[in-house]
Each structure stands twice: as structure tokens, then as C-alpha cells.
């Protein structure tokens, strides 16, 4: 007998890996496609958390050499490595505080297609506004980010707790507004995603550990694998893309998708 739920898990894992690092909101897409294909996982929130882990591990794998160099440099006294590490931690800290305080409200009130649609449209308009500015970055390498810029990106990242906003979109745009080049902002977004998503995943898994059973591990495992594989391709492609193009194509996508969702709901 064909396991339809397993195919749905594979599909959602692919969607997670495809959208996690694009400025179009992975959580929003999981909510929307989960509704569309009527996916019901006994593991609930744990399923989403684990497939997000698959996506973030793809980034860790792609940037493994730089991560190792940073760790070695940090403990050997390399000032640039220590500066960048502290910058990432400073940007991560606001999400820790706000996330712990607001997590229950966000999940109980804001996780709906209507909120996703509104956030998609507003986010698209903001991208258009940022890209229309006379953009002259003061920092062209992610490792050269200042503490002030890092803190600014960290607070802006907190907006991504609203489904449909996009964590990567918020941090990339936040980085650009603070003076980072498009590529530097994108790479810093990847590094900031590591502690942010790993921390959130660990917190959520501890809260939902009781639903992780052998019966639902197949779906979770399938989603994890497809998220990891699809994210590998997306991260590489996104870095190449932002070197030569603006983010306007993602703004158009967000706005059109948001309008379609609102039209269907109405």
C-alpha cells in the first residue's frame, strides 16, 4: 500500500530546503502547502523543526571549511575570527530573548494563511523600497561586519518570527540597510542562521520530545533528507545570484503569491 503521508513529507521537505534561504519565507510556505495537501503529521511541530535542521545542516556542510577556520582562529587568537564570531553571537542574542518570551503567542495567533499573505506582500514592498535606494555599501565582506551592523541585523531578524516574513529576507535586507553589500549580507545571513535555527530547533524538540515515536520517524526522516538535499543546491545558487542581480524577482514572487492567497481566502 502506498504511504501517501510519506510522499507528502518528502514534498514538504523539498519545499523547506527550497525556501529556507530564499527571501520568501519557508515557514509561510510550509503552512500554505501543508493546508493545500492536507498533511497531518502525528509529530506536529517536531516535523517542521527536524526538516529545518536538514536545511541548516546543508549550510553547515557547504561552509564547513570556513567554520573550521573560524573555530581554529578563535582559539588561536585570530582577531578577525573572534570579531566575526562575536558579531554572529551578538546578532543571535535578540532572537533568543524575544523568541522565548513570544513563542507561544506567535504559534497560537499568527500561524495562519492570512497572516502569511499579508507578511508576504509587505515584505515584497519593502524589498522594492530597499532595492530602489542608491545602494553604496560600506562593508563588502561578511567577516568585516561591525558590531553595530550585527546588532541591527539581529533585531531585524526578530521580525521573521511572523510567518511569511522570511528569516533570510529580514536578515539580508537588514544587512543591506545597515551598510553591507548584497553578497556580504547574504553570507552573514547564512552564518546567523546556524545558531538561530539550531537554537530554535533544540528548544522546540525539547518541548515536543514526547511526540517523537518510531511510528512517525519515517516521515520526519524523509522530510529531513529532502530538505538537506534541496537546500544544498539553493544556497550555492543564491550566492551566485545576488552577486549579479537584485532581489526584485523575489519581491514580485512574494506580492503575487500573497495576493493569490488573499483572493482564494476571500
Foldseek 3Di string as FASTA:
>chain_A
DDDVLLVLLLVLLLLQLQPQQAQFFSLLVSLVVCVVVVHDFLLPPLLVLLSNVLLLVLLCVVCVVVVVVLVVCCVVVNPLSVQLVVLLVLLQVVCVVCCVVCVVVQVVPQSDNLQLLVLLQVLLVLLVVLVPDPQDAPAEALSPDHSVLSNQLSVQLNVPSRGNNHSNSSQLSSNSVSRYQSLSSSVSSSVSCNCNSVVVSVVVCVVSVVSDDPVRVSSSVSSSVSSNVSNNVNSVVVSVDSVPDGSNVSSVVSNVVSVVSVVVVD
